[in-house]
């Protein structure tokens, strides 16, 4: 029987060794696929239907926006970022006709109540949307649209001095931060807005900022923007909250603000 063996089936010397040697890297490659490769090939990784449900649960349970990289960790890195984004877009479409929507902001993805329904929720909420003084809104608007700016820049544009507690309160709230210092005498601090500021406005980047005249209306109804407690600012300092419509003069605004805290 051995003499009748088909010579074509007998490998040349060294051929078997080369084939086996070449198979080894392939086996390693299959054991360690690129992120998302198994999902695209339909292998053992989670199917997209399960991925969608897991992403939905994670985003609904989170109180903060989640990035694509954070969401990938839900699946041990087995789902590619492009697949995560694809599923997020599908979820966004599925929720588009509901009272809650999935949105992308500067810090990631999150669910939020649509603005047209927020007024109903405010009726049973103990936290009432604050109204910010003209001085605070002007300062914030200048930083948002002219950043980076110094305190002197803000004062030149507004024509009045900027109260130190105003900048301090905006920093503590996480809306602005110092991003550097201008190379001029005194090296004044340069202020710019933060990711949290964009998140609170439901924006992904500064390019999506609303027209300047719409900034006040965009800020006032935001339920996550809480008033600074009265104890944080002495009565003689500039108030951050207006209970009544503010007059046009800055001096009158500052005179009435201590009464706002007292109330």
Protein backbone atom coordinates (compact mmCIF):
# COMPACT_ATOMS: atom_id res chain seq x y z
CA UNK A 1 0.00 0.00 0.00
CA UNK A 2 2.84 2.34 0.80
CA UNK A 3 4.26 1.87 -2.69
CA UNK A 4 1.00 3.02 -4.29
CA UNK A 5 0.79 6.24 -2.39
CA UNK A 6 0.01 9.14 -4.68
CA UNK A 7 3.22 11.12 -4.94
CA UNK A 8 1.27 14.36 -5.39
CA UNK A 9 -0.01 14.03 -1.82
CA UNK A 10 3.42 13.63 -0.36
CA UNK A 11 4.77 17.05 0.64
CA UNK A 12 8.17 18.12 -0.44
CA UNK A 13 10.82 18.13 2.26
CA UNK A 14 10.31 21.13 4.54
CA UNK A 15 6.87 21.93 3.11
CA UNK A 16 4.98 20.65 6.16
CA UNK A 17 7.23 22.58 8.48
CA UNK A 18 6.68 25.79 6.53
CA UNK A 19 2.92 25.32 6.55
CA UNK A 20 2.82 24.67 10.26
CA UNK A 21 5.09 27.58 10.94
CA UNK A 22 2.84 29.81 8.86
CA UNK A 23 -0.27 28.63 10.71
CA UNK A 24 1.01 29.78 14.09
CA UNK A 25 0.74 33.55 13.52
CA UNK A 26 -2.72 33.03 12.04
CA UNK A 27 -3.85 31.21 15.19
CA UNK A 28 -2.55 34.06 17.34
CA UNK A 29 -4.31 36.60 15.16
CA UNK A 30 -7.62 34.79 15.51
CA UNK A 31 -7.22 34.58 19.28
CA UNK A 32 -6.64 38.33 19.54
CA UNK A 33 -8.89 40.05 16.99
CA UNK A 34 -8.99 43.75 16.51
CA UNK A 35 -11.69 45.55 18.57
CA UNK A 36 -15.02 45.16 16.83
CA UNK A 37 -13.75 42.65 14.26
CA UNK A 38 -15.66 39.76 15.84
CA UNK A 39 -18.91 41.73 15.88
CA UNK A 40 -18.59 42.65 12.22
CA UNK A 41 -17.84 39.03 11.30
CA UNK A 42 -20.74 37.71 13.37
CA UNK A 43 -18.51 35.78 15.78
CA UNK A 44 -19.01 35.21 19.50
CA UNK A 45 -19.16 38.88 20.45
CA UNK A 46 -22.51 40.44 21.50
CA UNK A 47 -24.97 40.96 18.65
CA UNK A 48 -26.06 44.49 17.86
CA UNK A 49 -29.52 43.95 19.37
CA UNK A 50 -27.94 43.16 22.73
CA UNK A 51 -25.49 46.02 22.32
CA UNK A 52 -28.40 48.42 21.81
CA UNK A 53 -30.19 47.27 24.95
CA UNK A 54 -27.04 47.47 27.06
CA UNK A 55 -26.21 50.97 25.80
CA UNK A 56 -29.77 52.08 26.45
CA UNK A 57 -29.65 50.76 30.02
CA UNK A 58 -26.27 52.33 30.75
CA UNK A 59 -27.25 55.75 29.44
CA UNK A 60 -30.58 55.76 31.27
CA UNK A 61 -28.87 54.78 34.52
CA UNK A 62 -26.05 57.32 34.25
CA UNK A 63 -26.36 60.82 35.70
CA UNK A 64 -23.49 62.09 33.55
CA UNK A 65 -22.80 61.94 29.80
CA UNK A 66 -20.87 58.86 28.69
CA UNK A 67 -18.23 58.83 25.96
CA UNK A 68 -17.94 56.20 23.24
CA UNK A 69 -14.79 54.88 24.90
CA UNK A 70 -16.62 54.48 28.21
CA UNK A 71 -19.46 52.66 26.46
CA UNK A 72 -17.00 50.32 24.75
CA UNK A 73 -15.84 49.13 28.16
CA UNK A 74 -19.31 47.69 28.73
CA UNK A 75 -18.37 44.98 26.23
CA UNK A 76 -14.74 44.50 27.19
CA UNK A 77 -13.59 46.33 24.07
CA UNK A 78 -15.09 43.68 21.78
CA UNK A 79 -17.40 46.16 20.04
CA UNK A 80 -15.77 48.64 17.70
CA UNK A 81 -16.28 52.38 18.23
CA UNK A 82 -17.94 52.69 14.81
CA UNK A 83 -20.51 50.07 15.83
CA UNK A 84 -21.14 51.91 19.10
CA UNK A 85 -21.82 55.12 17.20
CA UNK A 86 -24.06 53.32 14.74
CA UNK A 87 -26.15 51.87 17.56
CA UNK A 88 -26.29 55.24 19.32
CA UNK A 89 -27.64 56.84 16.16
CA UNK A 90 -30.29 54.11 15.95
CA UNK A 91 -31.25 54.68 19.58
CA UNK A 92 -31.46 58.41 18.96
CA UNK A 93 -33.93 57.78 16.15
CA UNK A 94 -36.01 55.35 18.23
CA UNK A 95 -36.38 57.90 21.05
CA UNK A 96 -36.97 60.91 18.80
CA UNK A 97 -40.77 60.76 19.13
CA UNK A 98 -40.76 60.37 22.92
CA UNK A 99 -40.67 62.91 25.73
CA UNK A 100 -37.06 61.90 26.48
CA UNK A 101 -34.36 62.18 23.83
CA UNK A 102 -30.83 60.89 23.36
CA UNK A 103 -28.40 63.69 22.61
CA UNK A 104 -24.67 64.12 22.05
CA UNK A 105 -23.01 66.85 24.12
CA UNK A 106 -19.41 67.93 24.67
CA UNK A 107 -18.74 65.24 27.30
CA UNK A 108 -20.48 62.35 25.52
CA UNK A 109 -23.99 60.93 25.10
CA UNK A 110 -26.92 61.23 27.51
CA UNK A 111 -30.67 61.05 27.80
CA UNK A 112 -32.56 64.19 28.76
CA UNK A 113 -36.12 65.42 29.04
CA UNK A 114 -37.14 67.45 26.01
CA UNK A 115 -37.36 71.17 26.84
CA UNK A 116 -41.08 71.38 26.01
CA UNK A 117 -41.86 68.90 28.81
CA UNK A 118 -39.54 70.34 31.44
CA UNK A 119 -42.05 72.97 32.57
CA UNK A 120 -44.42 70.22 33.71
CA UNK A 121 -41.71 68.52 35.75
CA UNK A 122 -40.77 71.83 37.37
CA UNK A 123 -44.22 71.90 39.03
CA UNK A 124 -43.30 68.97 41.28
CA UNK A 125 -39.62 69.82 41.65
CA UNK A 126 -38.31 71.62 44.71
CA UNK A 127 -35.52 73.16 42.64
CA UNK A 128 -36.89 76.07 40.65
CA UNK A 129 -35.04 77.29 37.57
CA UNK A 130 -33.12 80.42 38.61
CA UNK A 131 -33.11 83.69 36.74
CA UNK A 132 -29.64 85.14 36.39
CA UNK A 133 -28.83 88.83 36.71
CA UNK A 134 -27.96 90.82 33.65
CA UNK A 135 -24.43 91.32 35.00
CA UNK A 136 -23.80 87.59 35.27
CA UNK A 137 -25.29 86.78 31.87
CA UNK A 138 -23.30 89.52 30.17
CA UNK A 139 -20.06 88.32 31.77
CA UNK A 140 -20.76 84.73 30.79
CA UNK A 141 -21.75 85.71 27.25
CA UNK A 142 -18.58 87.74 26.73
CA UNK A 143 -16.43 84.83 27.86
CA UNK A 144 -18.37 82.35 25.70
CA UNK A 145 -18.24 84.40 22.49
CA UNK A 146 -14.88 86.17 22.88
CA UNK A 147 -12.79 83.55 24.71
CA UNK A 148 -10.16 83.54 25.91
CA UNK A 149 -10.57 86.89 27.63
CA UNK A 150 -9.21 88.61 30.70
CA UNK A 151 -11.18 90.42 33.35
CA UNK A 152 -9.98 93.67 31.78
CA UNK A 153 -11.40 92.60 28.40
CA UNK A 154 -14.77 91.94 29.99
CA UNK A 155 -14.75 95.32 31.70
CA UNK A 156 -13.81 97.10 28.45
CA UNK A 157 -16.72 95.46 26.62
CA UNK A 158 -19.31 95.96 29.37
CA UNK A 159 -18.12 99.43 30.32
CA UNK A 160 -18.33 98.66 34.05
CA UNK A 161 -16.19 96.85 36.59
CA UNK A 162 -16.64 93.11 36.96
CA UNK A 163 -17.48 91.99 40.48
CA UNK A 164 -14.93 89.38 41.66
CA UNK A 165 -17.68 87.14 43.15
CA UNK A 166 -19.23 86.88 39.68
CA UNK A 167 -16.16 85.26 38.16
CA UNK A 168 -15.60 83.16 41.27
CA UNK A 169 -19.18 81.84 41.21
CA UNK A 170 -18.96 80.99 37.51
CA UNK A 171 -15.73 79.09 38.18
CA UNK A 172 -17.22 77.20 41.13
CA UNK A 173 -20.22 76.22 39.04
CA UNK A 174 -17.90 74.78 36.45
CA UNK A 175 -18.91 77.07 33.58
CA UNK A 176 -15.59 78.90 33.19
CA UNK A 177 -11.97 78.19 33.98
CA UNK A 178 -8.56 79.82 33.75
CA UNK A 179 -6.78 78.51 30.65
CA UNK A 180 -3.63 80.60 30.82
CA UNK A 181 -2.23 84.07 31.37
CA UNK A 182 -1.71 86.90 28.92
CA UNK A 183 1.91 87.91 28.45
CA UNK A 184 1.37 91.52 29.48
CA UNK A 185 2.30 93.38 32.67
CA UNK A 186 0.65 91.65 35.57
CA UNK A 187 0.02 88.49 33.48
CA UNK A 188 -3.79 88.63 33.86
CA UNK A 189 -5.69 85.35 33.83
CA UNK A 190 -7.41 84.24 30.64
CA UNK A 191 -10.92 82.83 31.07
CA UNK A 192 -12.74 80.36 28.80
CA UNK A 193 -15.83 78.19 29.06
CA UNK A 194 -15.73 74.51 30.01
CA UNK A 195 -17.24 71.26 28.76
CA UNK A 196 -19.78 71.45 31.58
CA UNK A 197 -21.00 74.77 30.22
CA UNK A 198 -21.60 73.13 26.83
CA UNK A 199 -23.23 70.11 28.50
CA UNK A 200 -25.65 72.35 30.40
CA UNK A 201 -26.63 74.00 27.12
CA UNK A 202 -26.89 70.59 25.42
CA UNK A 203 -24.15 71.49 22.93
CA UNK A 204 -21.26 69.51 21.50
CA UNK A 205 -18.96 72.42 20.64
CA UNK A 206 -18.69 76.20 20.73
CA UNK A 207 -19.71 76.30 17.07
CA UNK A 208 -23.22 75.29 18.19
CA UNK A 209 -23.65 78.24 20.54
CA UNK A 210 -27.01 79.95 20.00
CA UNK A 211 -27.22 83.55 18.77
CA UNK A 212 -26.06 85.96 21.43
CA UNK A 213 -29.56 87.30 22.08
CA UNK A 214 -30.80 83.76 22.76
CA UNK A 215 -28.22 82.91 25.42
CA UNK A 216 -30.31 84.19 28.33
CA UNK A 217 -33.39 82.21 27.30
CA UNK A 218 -31.19 79.14 26.81
CA UNK A 219 -29.74 79.40 30.31
CA UNK A 220 -32.76 80.33 32.41
CA UNK A 221 -34.91 77.19 31.98
CA UNK A 222 -32.03 74.72 32.43
CA UNK A 223 -32.98 72.58 35.46
CA UNK A 224 -29.39 71.57 36.21
CA UNK A 225 -28.22 75.15 36.75
CA UNK A 226 -28.89 75.70 40.43
CA UNK A 227 -28.76 79.02 42.24
CA UNK A 228 -25.82 79.81 44.51
CA UNK A 229 -27.01 79.70 48.15
CA UNK A 230 -27.37 83.10 49.77
CA UNK A 231 -24.78 82.18 52.39
CA UNK A 232 -22.10 81.95 49.73
CA UNK A 233 -22.14 85.70 49.05
CA UNK A 234 -22.24 88.61 51.54
CA UNK A 235 -25.24 90.95 51.15
CA UNK A 236 -23.14 93.74 49.69
CA UNK A 237 -21.85 91.56 46.84
CA UNK A 238 -23.39 91.22 43.42
CA UNK A 239 -26.23 88.68 43.36
CA UNK A 240 -26.26 85.89 40.82
CA UNK A 241 -30.03 85.44 40.81
CA UNK A 242 -32.86 87.80 39.95
CA UNK A 243 -36.34 87.11 41.27
CA UNK A 244 -37.79 90.10 39.41
CA UNK A 245 -36.92 91.50 35.95
CA UNK A 246 -33.73 93.53 36.18
CA UNK A 247 -33.58 97.23 35.19
CA UNK A 248 -31.32 98.37 32.42
CA UNK A 249 -28.80 100.21 34.61
CA UNK A 250 -26.01 98.16 36.19
CA UNK A 251 -25.94 100.30 39.31
CA UNK A 252 -29.66 99.74 39.97
CA UNK A 253 -29.18 96.01 39.39
CA UNK A 254 -26.50 95.83 42.07
CA UNK A 255 -28.56 97.85 44.53
CA UNK A 256 -31.54 95.51 44.29
CA UNK A 257 -29.63 92.22 44.41
CA UNK A 258 -29.03 92.14 48.20
CA UNK A 259 -32.83 92.23 48.60
CA UNK A 260 -33.01 89.15 46.37
CA UNK A 261 -30.80 87.26 48.79
CA UNK A 262 -32.76 88.50 51.75
CA UNK A 263 -35.95 87.20 50.14
